[in-house]
């Protein structure tokens, strides 16, 4: 297959014209039937060499075609023209809490990533595994595919496994029951957690506390703990006295959560080697830690370092600029989940997960000017053995 000639360009604006021109050329051939449905398209390297452009330029063009649903990436075969279909899909988003900020933002990004005319059905389990099982069964008979933010725990692992193994299009996001890790798209919790804790170590902290929620059955929480341990284990001390698993209430300002965090920090501070920093797996724990530090007259960012996941936005945390924050790329997680679901609905077999999406790291303003660091350049797939 030959492509139209693309002139050489020197600046970023021109490069955009180049990749758009390549995408337009391939799209025209697909829509005209010159490239038949299912026909293999040249590799990115071949197209780049033929047109004397960078592979990155071609990759952007192919990504655009993939987002439009005009091409499908098939394992071991390459990229092919998507089969023609006039079908408008009904897709479900089954979530633990539709009103929770992170889950609601994920829902909006999923809806944005859908093709024009597709319908999104939202169903909440209210974090009840029994209700989740009922909703999962009902939705699987009513919609063409499901993106699920699972309830805590492994209760429905078998239901997810059986549904996916039957060939039904199912993608999990953020969490995965044990045995279902290959179905999930989530933040790269392992790398981002280790990176955040290593930054604290590089600032001179030798004893770093860990605050996790008691929903440690959630894959994301387990991985954040693994990332923490990967960093602090190199310091050569026992981390157990510095680890606390705090019961979380649905109320972000729960007095019981606040008291539990305060009690934990108090116990650590009176020890022979108190921590000088802490890593929190989520915002509500950080709120408790902020209050606990205040009661102990510790200034965050000066007397006590804090690194945390910040899923509820910076304004959720008082003096957020004094702490290191990990931000999940919700848009990229949603886009990857939707692309994976479409691929499954087309009968393809995408690479098994977990599919890990790089996060952003925002350093405290007390630190040198390295305000935003990309933890990785591309999503990766790997297997976890929790």
Protein backbone atom coordinates (compact mmCIF):
# COMPACT_ATOMS: atom_id res chain seq x y z
CA UNK A 1 0.00 0.00 0.00
CA UNK A 2 1.46 3.36 -1.01
CA UNK A 3 0.73 6.60 0.76
CA UNK A 4 0.51 10.17 -0.49
CA UNK A 5 3.73 12.11 -0.32
CA UNK A 6 4.24 14.21 2.78
CA UNK A 7 6.49 17.24 2.59
CA UNK A 8 9.26 17.70 5.15
CA UNK A 9 8.48 19.97 8.09
CA UNK A 10 10.70 21.52 10.70
CA UNK A 11 8.55 22.82 13.55
CA UNK A 12 5.91 21.38 15.88
CA UNK A 13 2.98 22.91 14.00
CA UNK A 14 4.18 21.37 10.76
CA UNK A 15 4.69 17.99 12.43
CA UNK A 16 1.06 18.08 13.52
CA UNK A 17 0.09 18.67 9.90
CA UNK A 18 2.23 15.71 8.87
CA UNK A 19 0.64 13.18 11.23
CA UNK A 20 -2.82 14.47 10.50
CA UNK A 21 -2.14 14.15 6.78
CA UNK A 22 -1.01 10.55 7.25
CA UNK A 23 -4.12 9.79 9.30
CA UNK A 24 -6.37 11.44 6.71
CA UNK A 25 -4.75 9.48 3.89
CA UNK A 26 -5.22 6.11 5.61
CA UNK A 27 -8.76 7.04 6.70
CA UNK A 28 -9.70 7.89 3.11
CA UNK A 29 -8.40 4.53 1.90
CA UNK A 30 -10.33 2.68 4.61
CA UNK A 31 -13.60 4.52 3.98
CA UNK A 32 -13.30 4.12 0.21
CA UNK A 33 -12.69 0.39 0.55
CA UNK A 34 -9.18 0.56 -0.92
CA UNK A 35 -8.10 -0.94 2.39
CA UNK A 36 -10.64 -3.67 3.10
CA UNK A 37 -11.99 -4.43 6.59
CA UNK A 38 -9.55 -6.75 8.32
CA UNK A 39 -6.73 -5.98 5.86
CA UNK A 40 -3.35 -5.55 7.46
CA UNK A 41 -1.81 -2.07 7.37
CA UNK A 42 1.91 -1.45 7.02
CA UNK A 43 3.90 -1.18 10.22
CA UNK A 44 4.75 2.22 11.66
CA UNK A 45 8.40 1.66 10.74
CA UNK A 46 7.49 0.89 7.11
CA UNK A 47 5.26 3.94 6.79
CA UNK A 48 7.87 6.19 8.41
CA UNK A 49 10.58 4.95 6.05
CA UNK A 50 8.34 5.31 2.99
CA UNK A 51 7.34 8.90 3.84
CA UNK A 52 10.69 9.96 5.38
CA UNK A 53 9.10 11.02 8.66
CA UNK A 54 9.71 9.97 12.25
CA UNK A 55 8.05 6.92 13.71
CA UNK A 56 6.61 9.18 16.41
CA UNK A 57 4.73 11.12 13.71
CA UNK A 58 3.28 7.90 12.30
CA UNK A 59 2.46 6.62 15.79
CA UNK A 60 0.36 9.74 16.46
CA UNK A 61 -1.50 9.19 13.22
CA UNK A 62 -2.23 5.56 14.05
CA UNK A 63 -3.36 6.51 17.56
CA UNK A 64 -5.87 8.94 16.06
CA UNK A 65 -7.21 6.26 13.71
CA UNK A 66 -7.43 3.84 16.62
CA UNK A 67 -9.40 6.34 18.69
CA UNK A 68 -11.81 6.81 15.78
CA UNK A 69 -12.32 3.06 15.62
CA UNK A 70 -10.97 2.84 12.07
CA UNK A 71 -8.11 0.47 12.90
CA UNK A 72 -7.65 -2.39 15.34
CA UNK A 73 -4.36 -3.54 16.85
CA UNK A 74 -4.19 -7.31 16.85
CA UNK A 75 -1.66 -9.34 18.78
CA UNK A 76 0.92 -11.12 16.61
CA UNK A 77 -0.65 -9.74 13.42
CA UNK A 78 -0.33 -5.99 13.61
CA UNK A 79 -2.74 -3.18 12.82
CA UNK A 80 -5.72 -3.91 10.56
CA UNK A 81 -8.65 -1.92 9.22
CA UNK A 82 -11.60 -2.28 11.61
CA UNK A 83 -14.61 -4.25 10.44
CA UNK A 84 -17.44 -2.06 9.18
CA UNK A 85 -20.38 -1.82 11.51
CA UNK A 86 -23.35 0.47 11.96
CA UNK A 87 -23.95 -0.89 15.45
CA UNK A 88 -24.20 1.61 18.28
CA UNK A 89 -22.98 -0.02 21.47
CA UNK A 90 -24.47 0.23 24.94
CA UNK A 91 -21.69 0.26 27.50
CA UNK A 92 -22.06 0.04 31.28
CA UNK A 93 -19.96 1.60 34.00
CA UNK A 94 -20.46 -0.47 37.15
CA UNK A 95 -18.92 1.42 40.06
CA UNK A 96 -18.78 1.18 43.83
CA UNK A 97 -19.79 4.81 44.43
CA UNK A 98 -20.84 6.98 41.48
CA UNK A 99 -20.74 10.12 43.65
CA UNK A 100 -17.18 9.69 44.92
CA UNK A 101 -14.95 12.28 43.29
CA UNK A 102 -12.36 9.98 41.72
CA UNK A 103 -14.93 7.46 40.49
CA UNK A 104 -17.17 10.27 39.16
CA UNK A 105 -14.26 11.86 37.29
CA UNK A 106 -13.40 8.46 35.84
CA UNK A 107 -17.01 8.11 34.68
CA UNK A 108 -16.88 11.48 32.91
CA UNK A 109 -13.62 10.59 31.19
CA UNK A 110 -15.02 7.21 30.09
CA UNK A 111 -18.06 8.93 28.62
CA UNK A 112 -15.81 11.42 26.84
CA UNK A 113 -13.71 8.58 25.37
CA UNK A 114 -16.72 6.77 23.88
CA UNK A 115 -17.48 7.11 20.20
CA UNK A 116 -20.18 9.49 19.10
CA UNK A 117 -23.62 7.96 19.50
CA UNK A 118 -22.60 5.35 22.07
CA UNK A 119 -24.69 5.15 25.24
CA UNK A 120 -23.21 4.86 28.74
CA UNK A 121 -25.27 3.14 31.44
CA UNK A 122 -24.14 3.84 35.02
CA UNK A 123 -24.86 1.40 37.86
CA UNK A 124 -23.65 1.64 41.46
CA UNK A 125 -23.06 -1.27 43.82
CA UNK A 126 -22.61 1.06 46.83
CA UNK A 127 -19.52 -1.02 47.58
CA UNK A 128 -21.74 -4.02 48.40
CA UNK A 129 -20.33 -7.22 46.80
CA UNK A 130 -23.76 -8.90 46.76
CA UNK A 131 -25.34 -5.95 44.97
CA UNK A 132 -22.37 -5.84 42.62
CA UNK A 133 -22.92 -9.50 41.67
CA UNK A 134 -26.60 -8.83 40.97
CA UNK A 135 -25.82 -5.76 38.86
CA UNK A 136 -23.05 -7.56 36.99
CA UNK A 137 -25.35 -10.42 36.02
CA UNK A 138 -28.14 -8.09 34.92
CA UNK A 139 -25.91 -5.75 32.93
CA UNK A 140 -24.16 -8.61 31.13
CA UNK A 141 -27.55 -9.47 29.59
CA UNK A 142 -28.49 -5.89 28.72
CA UNK A 143 -25.36 -4.12 27.42
CA UNK A 144 -22.56 -4.91 24.96
CA UNK A 145 -19.66 -4.43 27.37
CA UNK A 146 -18.88 -3.46 30.96
CA UNK A 147 -16.21 -1.27 32.55
CA UNK A 148 -16.22 -2.02 36.28
CA UNK A 149 -14.73 -0.22 39.25
CA UNK A 150 -15.06 -3.19 41.64
CA UNK A 151 -16.20 -3.14 45.23
CA UNK A 152 -13.57 -3.82 47.88
CA UNK A 153 -12.46 -7.39 48.34
CA UNK A 154 -12.30 -10.62 46.38
CA UNK A 155 -15.92 -11.72 46.81
CA UNK A 156 -16.78 -11.53 43.12
CA UNK A 157 -13.50 -12.78 41.70
CA UNK A 158 -15.13 -15.94 40.34
CA UNK A 159 -17.99 -13.98 38.75
CA UNK A 160 -15.57 -11.62 36.99
CA UNK A 161 -13.38 -14.52 35.92
CA UNK A 162 -16.22 -16.59 34.50
CA UNK A 163 -17.72 -13.64 32.63
CA UNK A 164 -14.39 -12.68 31.05
CA UNK A 165 -13.50 -16.29 30.20
CA UNK A 166 -16.86 -16.69 28.45
CA UNK A 167 -15.75 -14.05 25.97
CA UNK A 168 -17.93 -11.26 27.31
CA UNK A 169 -16.21 -7.83 26.99
CA UNK A 170 -15.22 -6.84 30.54
CA UNK A 171 -12.57 -4.39 31.74
CA UNK A 172 -11.80 -3.58 35.38
CA UNK A 173 -10.37 -0.23 36.49
CA UNK A 174 -8.27 0.66 39.57
CA UNK A 175 -9.07 -2.52 41.50
CA UNK A 176 -8.95 -6.21 40.66
CA UNK A 177 -9.90 -9.16 42.86
CA UNK A 178 -7.15 -11.77 43.17
CA UNK A 179 -7.07 -13.89 40.04
CA UNK A 180 -8.47 -11.10 37.86
CA UNK A 181 -5.37 -8.90 37.57
CA UNK A 182 -5.18 -9.54 33.82
CA UNK A 183 -8.49 -7.69 33.36
CA UNK A 184 -7.51 -4.39 34.98
CA UNK A 185 -6.36 -0.95 33.81
CA UNK A 186 -4.96 1.11 36.68
CA UNK A 187 -2.43 3.65 37.82
CA UNK A 188 1.17 2.43 37.97
CA UNK A 189 0.96 2.28 41.75
CA UNK A 190 4.17 0.29 42.14
CA UNK A 191 6.47 2.77 40.41
CA UNK A 192 4.75 5.95 41.59
CA UNK A 193 4.72 4.87 45.24
CA UNK A 194 8.36 3.81 45.21
CA UNK A 195 9.28 7.06 43.45
CA UNK A 196 7.44 9.22 46.01
CA UNK A 197 9.04 7.46 48.99
CA UNK A 198 12.50 7.59 47.39
CA UNK A 199 12.07 11.35 47.08
CA UNK A 200 11.50 11.55 50.83
CA UNK A 201 14.60 9.43 51.39
CA UNK A 202 16.62 11.69 49.10
CA UNK A 203 15.56 14.64 51.26
CA UNK A 204 17.26 12.97 54.23
CA UNK A 205 14.38 11.09 55.89
CA UNK A 206 15.54 7.78 57.39
CA UNK A 207 12.34 6.65 59.12
CA UNK A 208 9.19 6.91 56.98
CA UNK A 209 5.78 5.91 58.29
CA UNK A 210 3.12 4.23 56.16
CA UNK A 211 -0.60 4.96 56.46
CA UNK A 212 -2.89 2.63 54.53
CA UNK A 213 -6.61 1.94 54.59
CA UNK A 214 -7.95 -1.36 55.84
CA UNK A 215 -9.26 -2.10 52.33
CA UNK A 216 -5.88 -3.69 51.64
CA UNK A 217 -7.62 -6.30 49.48
CA UNK A 218 -7.86 -3.61 46.80
CA UNK A 219 -5.12 -4.15 44.22
CA UNK A 220 -4.22 -0.46 44.14
CA UNK A 221 -3.69 -0.34 47.93
CA UNK A 222 -1.65 -3.54 47.93
CA UNK A 223 0.59 -2.19 45.19
CA UNK A 224 1.11 1.13 46.95
CA UNK A 225 2.29 -0.75 50.01
CA UNK A 226 4.62 -2.87 47.87
CA UNK A 227 6.05 0.33 46.32
CA UNK A 228 6.61 1.81 49.77
CA UNK A 229 8.41 -1.31 50.95
CA UNK A 230 10.55 -1.42 47.81
CA UNK A 231 11.92 2.01 48.71
CA UNK A 232 12.31 1.81 52.50
CA UNK A 233 13.65 -1.76 52.65
CA UNK A 234 16.89 -0.41 51.23
CA UNK A 235 17.34 1.62 54.42
CA UNK A 236 17.83 -1.59 56.37
CA UNK A 237 15.42 -1.15 59.28
CA UNK A 238 12.22 -2.97 60.26
CA UNK A 239 9.26 -1.02 58.89
CA UNK A 240 6.62 -2.83 60.97
CA UNK A 241 6.63 -0.33 63.88
CA UNK A 242 5.99 2.44 61.32
CA UNK A 243 3.12 0.82 59.40
CA UNK A 244 -0.51 1.53 60.25
CA UNK A 245 -3.69 0.26 58.58
CA UNK A 246 -6.49 2.66 59.45
CA UNK A 247 -10.23 1.83 59.20
CA UNK A 248 -11.74 4.30 56.75
CA UNK A 249 -15.22 5.75 57.09
CA UNK A 250 -17.16 6.92 54.03
CA UNK A 251 -17.22 10.31 55.74
CA UNK A 252 -13.98 11.99 54.73
CA UNK A 253 -13.97 13.94 58.01
CA UNK A 254 -14.71 10.91 60.21
CA UNK A 255 -13.66 11.54 63.79
CA UNK A 256 -12.79 7.86 64.22
CA UNK A 257 -10.38 7.99 61.27
CA UNK A 258 -8.83 11.22 62.54
CA UNK A 259 -8.38 9.76 66.02
CA UNK A 260 -6.87 6.53 64.70
CA UNK A 261 -4.28 8.44 62.65
CA UNK A 262 -3.50 10.72 65.59
CA UNK A 263 -3.08 7.77 67.94
CA UNK A 264 -0.80 6.03 65.46
CA UNK A 265 1.44 9.06 64.96
CA UNK A 266 1.59 9.69 68.71
CA UNK A 267 2.74 6.12 69.34
CA UNK A 268 5.47 6.45 66.72
CA UNK A 269 6.72 9.82 67.93
CA UNK A 270 7.32 8.60 71.48
CA UNK A 271 9.39 5.68 70.23
CA UNK A 272 13.20 5.60 70.37
CA UNK A 273 13.53 6.39 66.66
CA UNK A 274 10.47 8.43 65.58
CA UNK A 275 9.64 8.90 61.91
CA UNK A 276 10.34 12.23 60.24
CA UNK A 277 8.04 11.65 57.26
CA UNK A 278 5.04 9.59 56.16
CA UNK A 279 3.54 8.12 53.00
CA UNK A 280 -0.27 7.98 52.69
CA UNK A 281 -2.17 5.87 50.16
CA UNK A 282 -5.08 8.32 49.91
CA UNK A 283 -6.40 11.78 50.77
CA UNK A 284 -8.63 10.99 53.75
CA UNK A 285 -5.68 9.50 55.63
CA UNK A 286 -3.66 12.60 54.78
CA UNK A 287 -6.32 14.85 56.28
CA UNK A 288 -5.97 12.92 59.53
CA UNK A 289 -2.18 13.16 59.36
CA UNK A 290 -2.32 16.92 58.78
CA UNK A 291 -4.46 17.35 61.89
CA UNK A 292 -2.22 15.00 63.91
CA UNK A 293 0.92 16.92 62.92
CA UNK A 294 -0.75 20.18 63.90
CA UNK A 295 -1.59 18.81 67.35
CA UNK A 296 2.04 17.78 67.79
CA UNK A 297 3.28 21.22 66.61
CA UNK A 298 4.94 19.69 63.53
CA UNK A 299 5.03 21.86 60.41
CA UNK A 300 4.51 19.74 57.30
CA UNK A 301 7.22 20.34 54.74
CA UNK A 302 9.60 21.60 57.40
CA UNK A 303 9.48 19.39 60.51
CA UNK A 304 7.69 16.45 58.92
CA UNK A 305 7.63 15.31 55.29
CA UNK A 306 4.46 13.95 53.67
CA UNK A 307 3.95 12.17 50.35
CA UNK A 308 0.41 11.22 49.39
CA UNK A 309 -1.91 10.21 46.60
CA UNK A 310 -4.16 13.17 45.87
CA UNK A 311 -7.26 11.91 44.03
CA UNK A 312 -9.68 14.52 45.36
CA UNK A 313 -7.90 17.61 44.05
CA UNK A 314 -5.36 19.93 45.73
CA UNK A 315 -7.96 22.02 47.57
CA UNK A 316 -9.04 18.91 49.48
CA UNK A 317 -5.82 19.17 51.50
CA UNK A 318 -4.89 22.11 53.72
CA UNK A 319 -1.59 23.68 52.60
CA UNK A 320 -1.23 21.09 49.86
CA UNK A 321 1.85 22.85 48.51
CA UNK A 322 3.83 21.69 51.55
CA UNK A 323 3.58 18.00 50.63
CA UNK A 324 4.55 15.74 47.73
CA UNK A 325 1.55 14.54 45.74
CA UNK A 326 0.97 11.72 43.28
CA UNK A 327 -1.76 12.42 40.74
CA UNK A 328 -3.38 9.61 38.77
CA UNK A 329 -3.88 10.26 35.05
CA UNK A 330 -7.63 9.65 35.03
CA UNK A 331 -8.04 10.60 31.38
CA UNK A 332 -5.40 8.09 30.25
CA UNK A 333 -6.84 5.34 32.47
CA UNK A 334 -10.32 5.90 31.02
CA UNK A 335 -9.03 6.09 27.44
CA UNK A 336 -7.06 2.86 27.81
CA UNK A 337 -10.05 1.09 29.41
CA UNK A 338 -12.40 2.16 26.62
CA UNK A 339 -9.94 1.18 23.88
CA UNK A 340 -9.48 -2.21 25.52
CA UNK A 341 -13.25 -2.72 25.77
CA UNK A 342 -13.78 -1.84 22.11
CA UNK A 343 -11.06 -4.26 21.13
CA UNK A 344 -12.78 -7.04 23.10
CA UNK A 345 -16.16 -6.17 21.55
CA UNK A 346 -14.61 -6.52 18.11
CA UNK A 347 -13.54 -10.06 18.98
CA UNK A 348 -9.85 -9.30 19.44
CA UNK A 349 -7.58 -10.60 22.20
CA UNK A 350 -5.64 -7.64 23.61
CA UNK A 351 -2.46 -8.12 25.59
CA UNK A 352 -3.38 -9.30 29.11
CA UNK A 353 -3.05 -6.80 31.95
CA UNK A 354 -2.50 -5.36 34.38
CA UNK A 355 -2.23 -2.29 32.16
CA UNK A 356 -0.40 0.33 34.20
CA UNK A 357 -0.75 4.04 33.41
CA UNK A 358 2.06 6.41 34.51
CA UNK A 359 1.19 8.97 37.18
CA UNK A 360 2.36 12.53 37.74
CA UNK A 361 4.44 13.55 40.73
CA UNK A 362 4.23 17.08 42.12
CA UNK A 363 6.93 17.93 44.63
CA UNK A 364 6.48 20.15 47.67
CA UNK A 365 7.35 23.76 47.04
CA UNK A 366 9.82 23.43 49.90
CA UNK A 367 11.92 21.26 47.59
CA UNK A 368 14.04 22.38 44.58
CA UNK A 369 12.18 23.26 41.42
CA UNK A 370 11.31 19.86 40.04
CA UNK A 371 7.62 20.57 40.23
CA UNK A 372 6.23 17.99 37.84
CA UNK A 373 7.95 14.75 36.90
CA UNK A 374 6.58 12.08 34.58
CA UNK A 375 7.22 8.74 36.24
CA UNK A 376 7.29 6.87 32.92
CA UNK A 377 6.69 7.58 29.24
CA UNK A 378 4.41 4.72 28.25
CA UNK A 379 1.86 2.40 29.88
CA UNK A 380 3.33 -1.02 30.63
CA UNK A 381 1.96 -4.48 31.24
CA UNK A 382 3.25 -6.80 33.90
CA UNK A 383 2.19 -9.53 36.28
CA UNK A 384 1.86 -8.96 40.00
CA UNK A 385 2.25 -11.59 42.67
CA UNK A 386 0.73 -9.95 45.76
